[in-house]
Protein backbone atom coordinates (compact mmCIF):
# COMPACT_ATOMS: atom_id res chain seq x y z
CA UNK A 1 -5.62 18.20 7.42
CA UNK A 2 -3.26 15.39 6.46
CA UNK A 3 -4.91 12.08 5.53
CA UNK A 4 -1.67 10.06 5.46
CA UNK A 5 2.05 10.77 5.36
CA UNK A 6 4.42 8.95 3.01
CA UNK A 7 7.85 8.26 4.53
CA UNK A 8 7.29 11.17 6.90
CA UNK A 9 6.70 13.61 4.06
CA UNK A 10 3.56 15.72 4.07
CA UNK A 11 2.68 17.35 0.78
CA UNK A 12 0.14 20.12 1.22
CA UNK A 13 -2.43 20.30 -1.55
CA UNK A 14 -5.22 22.84 -1.91
CA UNK A 15 -7.97 22.55 -4.49
CA UNK A 16 -10.71 25.01 -5.34
CA UNK A 17 -14.03 23.95 -3.81
CA UNK A 18 -15.56 23.17 -7.23
CA UNK A 19 -12.71 20.70 -7.95
CA UNK A 20 -12.94 18.83 -4.64
CA UNK A 21 -14.58 15.45 -4.33
CA UNK A 22 -15.72 13.92 -1.06
CA UNK A 23 -13.39 11.50 0.70
CA UNK A 24 -15.08 8.11 0.21
CA UNK A 25 -13.43 4.80 1.12
CA UNK A 26 -9.94 5.52 -0.16
CA UNK A 27 -7.22 3.04 0.71
CA UNK A 28 -3.50 3.61 0.89
CA UNK A 29 -0.92 0.91 0.28
CA UNK A 30 1.36 0.96 3.33
CA UNK A 31 4.33 -1.12 4.45
CA UNK A 32 4.42 -3.54 7.38
CA UNK A 33 5.32 -0.73 9.79
CA UNK A 34 1.71 0.49 9.69
CA UNK A 35 -1.21 -1.29 11.32
CA UNK A 36 -3.90 -2.75 9.10
CA UNK A 37 -6.70 -0.28 9.81
CA UNK A 38 -9.43 1.46 7.87
CA UNK A 39 -7.88 3.21 4.90
CA UNK A 40 -4.50 1.43 5.14
CA UNK A 41 -3.66 -1.82 3.36
CA UNK A 42 -0.63 -3.41 4.99
CA UNK A 43 0.74 -6.84 4.04
CA UNK A 44 -0.04 -9.89 6.14
CA UNK A 45 2.69 -10.59 8.68
CA UNK A 46 4.13 -14.09 8.90
CA UNK A 47 3.53 -14.78 5.19
CA UNK A 48 6.02 -14.64 2.31
CA UNK A 49 6.13 -11.10 0.96
CA UNK A 50 9.16 -10.02 -1.06
CA UNK A 51 9.03 -10.64 -4.82
CA UNK A 52 12.43 -12.39 -5.13
CA UNK A 53 11.45 -14.87 -2.40
CA UNK A 54 8.07 -15.55 -3.98
CA UNK A 55 9.57 -15.91 -7.45
CA UNK A 56 12.28 -18.38 -6.41
CA UNK A 57 10.17 -20.51 -4.07
CA UNK A 58 7.13 -20.97 -6.28
CA UNK A 59 3.73 -19.40 -6.71
CA UNK A 60 1.90 -17.97 -3.70
CA UNK A 61 -0.19 -20.47 -1.79
CA UNK A 62 -3.39 -19.26 -0.21
CA UNK A 63 -5.19 -15.96 -0.21
CA UNK A 64 -2.82 -14.21 2.22
CA UNK A 65 0.30 -14.97 0.19
CA UNK A 66 -1.51 -13.98 -3.00
CA UNK A 67 -2.47 -10.66 -1.38
CA UNK A 68 1.14 -10.13 -0.26
CA UNK A 69 2.40 -10.92 -3.76
CA UNK A 70 0.09 -8.35 -5.35
CA UNK A 71 0.86 -5.85 -2.54
CA UNK A 72 4.61 -6.26 -3.12
CA UNK A 73 4.17 -5.89 -6.89
CA UNK A 74 2.18 -2.67 -6.48
CA UNK A 75 4.66 -1.31 -3.98
CA UNK A 76 7.50 -1.92 -6.47
CA UNK A 77 5.60 0.01 -9.15
CA UNK A 78 5.06 2.92 -6.76
CA UNK A 79 8.74 2.99 -5.74
CA UNK A 80 9.86 2.98 -9.38
CA UNK A 81 7.63 6.00 -10.04
CA UNK A 82 9.57 7.98 -7.45
């Protein structure tokens, strides 16, 4: 009953029925190796993505680069947590 796997790692979690909430429109931040499909937010391909590149070459231009900038920022926060 795995919803998603992170770097090939599956962490099994069991909650008592009274603590469970229904699965409703949850999205997972994924890297470019995953397809952009329901429940997975992958960055736009062909647009600037990595923070150092975006920081040295100016602010993001357009909605896709802005999304990639925020995506990359969030991914960095997640990686630092691990």
